[in-house]
């Protein structure tokens, strides 16, 4: 589905892909670390769709058997909406596709996904990041009152007001 990359830069990649719903049968995809811009013409109207990379589920690898007995490999960005899926690489070379899969997953900071029973699942289960170590607080600093509380007087049990409870209040208005 994807033609080869037209222009590749460190920060941006531009791909031209077939799109069955577009007027000319193709769309242009501009891919950066922050987002994906999909431009196409639909019904004579130019469309530009901006999708953040965080909206994608991950980088998937699809393997299909071909008539010659080999396999066809397709690397794509998976989205909940199939129209927003982006084919990154399509090749017959199985050796290079593993390196590309890892590269795109690291470049876009997305998980690598594999299709199991028709459902996409992360390839590797990474442990959550370790919590940050607790700051050591100097004992003298910890006992200080914050600046806005310094203006107030500290609590004194002798200055507390008397609280009457369980008594009836009589109010007279004249």
C-alpha atoms as a PDB file:
ATOM      1  CA  UNK A   1       0.000   0.000   0.000  1.00  0.00           C
ATOM      2  CA  UNK A   2       2.830   2.397   0.657  1.00  0.00           C
ATOM      3  CA  UNK A   3       5.243   3.693  -1.881  1.00  0.00           C
ATOM      4  CA  UNK A   4       8.758   4.376  -0.759  1.00  0.00           C
ATOM      5  CA  UNK A   5       9.572   7.426   1.295  1.00  0.00           C
ATOM      6  CA  UNK A   6       9.887  10.532  -0.855  1.00  0.00           C
ATOM      7  CA  UNK A   7      11.910  12.673   1.517  1.00  0.00           C
ATOM      8  CA  UNK A   8      13.362  11.621   4.812  1.00  0.00           C
ATOM      9  CA  UNK A   9      14.841  14.031   7.291  1.00  0.00           C
ATOM     10  CA  UNK A  10      15.898  13.529  10.885  1.00  0.00           C
ATOM     11  CA  UNK A  11      12.784  15.278  12.137  1.00  0.00           C
ATOM     12  CA  UNK A  12      10.268  14.522   9.394  1.00  0.00           C
ATOM     13  CA  UNK A  13       9.329  11.803   6.912  1.00  0.00           C
ATOM     14  CA  UNK A  14       6.984  12.288   3.970  1.00  0.00           C
ATOM     15  CA  UNK A  15       5.183   9.267   2.513  1.00  0.00           C
ATOM     16  CA  UNK A  16       2.810   8.950  -0.454  1.00  0.00           C
ATOM     17  CA  UNK A  17       0.281   6.175  -0.009  1.00  0.00           C
ATOM     18  CA  UNK A  18      -2.652   4.760  -1.908  1.00  0.00           C
ATOM     19  CA  UNK A  19      -6.013   5.823  -0.516  1.00  0.00           C
ATOM     20  CA  UNK A  20      -9.102   4.234  -2.046  1.00  0.00           C
ATOM     21  CA  UNK A  21     -11.401   7.020  -0.844  1.00  0.00           C
ATOM     22  CA  UNK A  22      -9.300   9.975  -2.046  1.00  0.00           C
ATOM     23  CA  UNK A  23     -10.047  11.624  -5.395  1.00  0.00           C
ATOM     24  CA  UNK A  24      -6.682  10.859  -6.973  1.00  0.00           C
ATOM     25  CA  UNK A  25      -6.391   7.530  -5.189  1.00  0.00           C
ATOM     26  CA  UNK A  26      -3.477   8.704  -3.033  1.00  0.00           C
ATOM     27  CA  UNK A  27      -2.703  10.708   0.061  1.00  0.00           C
ATOM     28  CA  UNK A  28       0.380  12.395   1.437  1.00  0.00           C
ATOM     29  CA  UNK A  29       1.446  11.619   5.004  1.00  0.00           C
ATOM     30  CA  UNK A  30       3.905  13.853   6.854  1.00  0.00           C
ATOM     31  CA  UNK A  31       5.288  12.091   9.938  1.00  0.00           C
ATOM     32  CA  UNK A  32       7.153  13.761  12.824  1.00  0.00           C
ATOM     33  CA  UNK A  33       7.825  12.794  16.427  1.00  0.00           C
ATOM     34  CA  UNK A  34       4.934  14.994  17.575  1.00  0.00           C
ATOM     35  CA  UNK A  35       2.232  14.109  15.085  1.00  0.00           C
ATOM     36  CA  UNK A  36       0.983  12.858  11.741  1.00  0.00           C
ATOM     37  CA  UNK A  37      -0.424  15.161   9.031  1.00  0.00           C
ATOM     38  CA  UNK A  38      -2.552  13.416   6.406  1.00  0.00           C
ATOM     39  CA  UNK A  39      -3.481  15.475   3.343  1.00  0.00           C
ATOM     40  CA  UNK A  40      -5.782  14.303   0.550  1.00  0.00           C
ATOM     41  CA  UNK A  41      -8.580  15.489  -1.699  1.00  0.00           C
ATOM     42  CA  UNK A  42     -12.022  14.049  -1.024  1.00  0.00           C
ATOM     43  CA  UNK A  43     -14.983  15.039  -3.170  1.00  0.00           C
ATOM     44  CA  UNK A  44     -13.009  17.958  -4.630  1.00  0.00           C
ATOM     45  CA  UNK A  45     -12.233  19.352  -1.189  1.00  0.00           C
ATOM     46  CA  UNK A  46      -8.682  19.456   0.128  1.00  0.00           C
ATOM     47  CA  UNK A  47      -8.457  17.876   3.573  1.00  0.00           C
ATOM     48  CA  UNK A  48      -5.671  18.121   6.116  1.00  0.00           C
ATOM     49  CA  UNK A  49      -5.976  15.866   9.153  1.00  0.00           C
ATOM     50  CA  UNK A  50      -3.613  16.361  12.085  1.00  0.00           C
ATOM     51  CA  UNK A  51      -3.313  13.456  14.524  1.00  0.00           C
ATOM     52  CA  UNK A  52      -0.959  13.490  17.527  1.00  0.00           C
ATOM     53  CA  UNK A  53       1.368  10.498  17.800  1.00  0.00           C
ATOM     54  CA  UNK A  54      -0.041   9.755  21.266  1.00  0.00           C
ATOM     55  CA  UNK A  55      -3.410   8.931  19.630  1.00  0.00           C
ATOM     56  CA  UNK A  56      -1.871   5.891  17.918  1.00  0.00           C
ATOM     57  CA  UNK A  57      -1.861   2.540  19.706  1.00  0.00           C
ATOM     58  CA  UNK A  58       1.573   1.460  18.482  1.00  0.00           C
ATOM     59  CA  UNK A  59       3.684   0.172  15.598  1.00  0.00           C
ATOM     60  CA  UNK A  60       2.363  -3.111  14.176  1.00  0.00           C
ATOM     61  CA  UNK A  61       4.010  -5.735  11.997  1.00  0.00           C
ATOM     62  CA  UNK A  62       1.760  -7.698   9.626  1.00  0.00           C
ATOM     63  CA  UNK A  63       3.105 -10.793   7.854  1.00  0.00           C
ATOM     64  CA  UNK A  64       1.257 -12.201   4.829  1.00  0.00           C
ATOM     65  CA  UNK A  65       2.124 -15.177   2.647  1.00  0.00           C
ATOM     66  CA  UNK A  66       2.749 -14.423  -1.034  1.00  0.00           C
ATOM     67  CA  UNK A  67       2.188 -16.687  -4.040  1.00  0.00           C
ATOM     68  CA  UNK A  68       5.915 -17.305  -4.568  1.00  0.00           C
ATOM     69  CA  UNK A  69       6.135 -19.056  -1.193  1.00  0.00           C
ATOM     70  CA  UNK A  70       7.746 -16.187   0.708  1.00  0.00           C
ATOM     71  CA  UNK A  71       6.272 -13.580   2.983  1.00  0.00           C
ATOM     72  CA  UNK A  72       5.303  -9.937   2.660  1.00  0.00           C
ATOM     73  CA  UNK A  73       5.955  -7.681   5.638  1.00  0.00           C
ATOM     74  CA  UNK A  74       3.993  -4.496   6.368  1.00  0.00           C
ATOM     75  CA  UNK A  75       4.930  -2.101   9.163  1.00  0.00           C
ATOM     76  CA  UNK A  76       2.217   0.401  10.116  1.00  0.00           C
ATOM     77  CA  UNK A  77       0.962   2.760  12.798  1.00  0.00           C
ATOM     78  CA  UNK A  78      -2.209   1.336  14.355  1.00  0.00           C
ATOM     79  CA  UNK A  79      -5.080   3.672  15.225  1.00  0.00           C
ATOM     80  CA  UNK A  80      -8.577   2.894  16.517  1.00  0.00           C
ATOM     81  CA  UNK A  81      -9.936   4.393  13.274  1.00  0.00           C
ATOM     82  CA  UNK A  82      -8.654   2.268  10.332  1.00  0.00           C
ATOM     83  CA  UNK A  83      -8.720   5.315   8.003  1.00  0.00           C
ATOM     84  CA  UNK A  84      -5.978   6.908  10.133  1.00  0.00           C
ATOM     85  CA  UNK A  85      -3.648   3.892   9.979  1.00  0.00           C
ATOM     86  CA  UNK A  86      -0.343   4.786   8.300  1.00  0.00           C
ATOM     87  CA  UNK A  87       1.758   2.227   6.434  1.00  0.00           C
ATOM     88  CA  UNK A  88       5.418   2.953   7.179  1.00  0.00           C
ATOM     89  CA  UNK A  89       7.238   0.167   5.300  1.00  0.00           C
ATOM     90  CA  UNK A  90       6.137  -2.635   2.991  1.00  0.00           C
ATOM     91  CA  UNK A  91       8.825  -5.113   1.938  1.00  0.00           C
ATOM     92  CA  UNK A  92       9.683  -8.718   1.155  1.00  0.00           C
ATOM     93  CA  UNK A  93      12.978  -8.539   3.131  1.00  0.00           C
ATOM     94  CA  UNK A  94      12.422 -10.162   6.535  1.00  0.00           C
ATOM     95  CA  UNK A  95      15.866  -9.248   7.858  1.00  0.00           C
ATOM     96  CA  UNK A  96      15.504  -5.489   7.573  1.00  0.00           C
ATOM     97  CA  UNK A  97      11.935  -5.290   8.829  1.00  0.00           C
ATOM     98  CA  UNK A  98      12.868  -6.163  12.433  1.00  0.00           C
ATOM     99  CA  UNK A  99      15.337  -3.272  12.569  1.00  0.00           C
ATOM    100  CA  UNK A 100      12.778  -0.910  11.005  1.00  0.00           C
ATOM    101  CA  UNK A 101      10.133  -2.025  13.508  1.00  0.00           C
ATOM    102  CA  UNK A 102      12.411  -1.225  16.430  1.00  0.00           C
ATOM    103  CA  UNK A 103      13.524   2.070  14.860  1.00  0.00           C
ATOM    104  CA  UNK A 104       9.974   3.382  14.305  1.00  0.00           C
ATOM    105  CA  UNK A 105       8.830   2.298  17.767  1.00  0.00           C
ATOM    106  CA  UNK A 106      11.758   4.146  19.386  1.00  0.00           C
ATOM    107  CA  UNK A 107      11.477   7.169  17.068  1.00  0.00           C
ATOM    108  CA  UNK A 108       7.773   7.672  17.828  1.00  0.00           C
ATOM    109  CA  UNK A 109       7.994   6.420  21.436  1.00  0.00           C
ATOM    110  CA  UNK A 110       5.199   3.893  20.831  1.00  0.00           C
ATOM    111  CA  UNK A 111       4.992   0.215  21.785  1.00  0.00           C
ATOM    112  CA  UNK A 112       5.606  -2.548  19.257  1.00  0.00           C
ATOM    113  CA  UNK A 113       2.373  -4.456  18.722  1.00  0.00           C
ATOM    114  CA  UNK A 114       1.721  -7.953  17.453  1.00  0.00           C
ATOM    115  CA  UNK A 115      -1.583  -9.324  16.203  1.00  0.00           C
ATOM    116  CA  UNK A 116      -2.736 -12.305  18.246  1.00  0.00           C
ATOM    117  CA  UNK A 117      -6.217 -13.780  17.687  1.00  0.00           C
ATOM    118  CA  UNK A 118      -7.194 -10.646  15.773  1.00  0.00           C
ATOM    119  CA  UNK A 119      -6.315  -8.426  18.736  1.00  0.00           C
ATOM    120  CA  UNK A 120      -3.279  -6.156  19.010  1.00  0.00           C
ATOM    121  CA  UNK A 121      -1.096  -6.759  22.041  1.00  0.00           C
ATOM    122  CA  UNK A 122       2.219  -5.213  23.098  1.00  0.00           C
ATOM    123  CA  UNK A 123       5.201  -7.326  22.107  1.00  0.00           C
ATOM    124  CA  UNK A 124       7.191  -6.690  25.250  1.00  0.00           C
ATOM    125  CA  UNK A 125       5.777  -5.919  28.643  1.00  0.00           C
ATOM    126  CA  UNK A 126       7.928  -3.258  30.153  1.00  0.00           C
ATOM    127  CA  UNK A 127       7.911  -2.660  33.887  1.00  0.00           C
ATOM    128  CA  UNK A 128       6.595   0.704  35.038  1.00  0.00           C
ATOM    129  CA  UNK A 129       9.305   3.242  35.805  1.00  0.00           C
ATOM    130  CA  UNK A 130      10.744   3.099  39.305  1.00  0.00           C
ATOM    131  CA  UNK A 131       9.460   5.806  41.635  1.00  0.00           C
ATOM    132  CA  UNK A 132      11.750   8.738  42.253  1.00  0.00           C
ATOM    133  CA  UNK A 133      13.799   8.462  45.434  1.00  0.00           C
ATOM    134  CA  UNK A 134      12.441  10.354  48.419  1.00  0.00           C
ATOM    135  CA  UNK A 135      14.091  13.678  49.141  1.00  0.00           C
ATOM    136  CA  UNK A 136      15.976  13.918  52.364  1.00  0.00           C
ATOM    137  CA  UNK A 137      14.682  16.792  54.345  1.00  0.00           C
ATOM    138  CA  UNK A 138      16.787  18.533  56.904  1.00  0.00           C
ATOM    139  CA  UNK A 139      15.104  18.199  60.312  1.00  0.00           C
ATOM    140  CA  UNK A 140      15.460  21.917  61.056  1.00  0.00           C
ATOM    141  CA  UNK A 141      13.871  22.865  57.716  1.00  0.00           C
ATOM    142  CA  UNK A 142      10.986  20.431  58.169  1.00  0.00           C
ATOM    143  CA  UNK A 143       9.986  22.023  61.482  1.00  0.00           C
ATOM    144  CA  UNK A 144       9.786  25.566  60.086  1.00  0.00           C
ATOM    145  CA  UNK A 145       6.424  27.133  59.502  1.00  0.00           C
ATOM    146  CA  UNK A 146       5.618  28.260  55.972  1.00  0.00           C
ATOM    147  CA  UNK A 147       6.019  31.964  55.321  1.00  0.00           C
ATOM    148  CA  UNK A 148       2.303  32.773  55.125  1.00  0.00           C
ATOM    149  CA  UNK A 149       1.687  31.002  58.457  1.00  0.00           C
ATOM    150  CA  UNK A 150       4.413  32.932  60.289  1.00  0.00           C
ATOM    151  CA  UNK A 151       2.123  35.947  60.491  1.00  0.00           C
ATOM    152  CA  UNK A 152      -0.462  33.928  62.382  1.00  0.00           C
ATOM    153  CA  UNK A 153      -0.134  33.036  65.990  1.00  0.00           C
ATOM    154  CA  UNK A 154       0.404  29.426  66.855  1.00  0.00           C
ATOM    155  CA  UNK A 155      -2.301  27.418  68.592  1.00  0.00           C
ATOM    156  CA  UNK A 156      -2.549  27.785  72.375  1.00  0.00           C
ATOM    157  CA  UNK A 157      -4.882  25.525  74.380  1.00  0.00           C
ATOM    158  CA  UNK A 158      -5.395  28.273  76.988  1.00  0.00           C
ATOM    159  CA  UNK A 159      -6.748  30.686  74.355  1.00  0.00           C
ATOM    160  CA  UNK A 160      -9.414  28.330  73.032  1.00  0.00           C
ATOM    161  CA  UNK A 161     -12.990  29.480  73.356  1.00  0.00           C
ATOM    162  CA  UNK A 162     -15.509  27.668  75.505  1.00  0.00           C
ATOM    163  CA  UNK A 163     -17.800  25.448  73.486  1.00  0.00           C
ATOM    164  CA  UNK A 164     -21.271  24.846  74.848  1.00  0.00           C
ATOM    165  CA  UNK A 165     -22.906  21.746  73.461  1.00  0.00           C
ATOM    166  CA  UNK A 166     -26.269  20.116  74.141  1.00  0.00           C
ATOM    167  CA  UNK A 167     -27.787  23.392  75.333  1.00  0.00           C
ATOM    168  CA  UNK A 168     -30.708  25.323  73.929  1.00  0.00           C
ATOM    169  CA  UNK A 169     -30.077  28.752  72.476  1.00  0.00           C
ATOM    170  CA  UNK A 170     -32.568  31.510  73.151  1.00  0.00           C
ATOM    171  CA  UNK A 171     -32.589  34.350  70.671  1.00  0.00           C
ATOM    172  CA  UNK A 172     -34.675  37.431  71.218  1.00  0.00           C
ATOM    173  CA  UNK A 173     -35.324  40.025  68.545  1.00  0.00           C
ATOM    174  CA  UNK A 174     -36.948  43.273  69.676  1.00  0.00           C
END
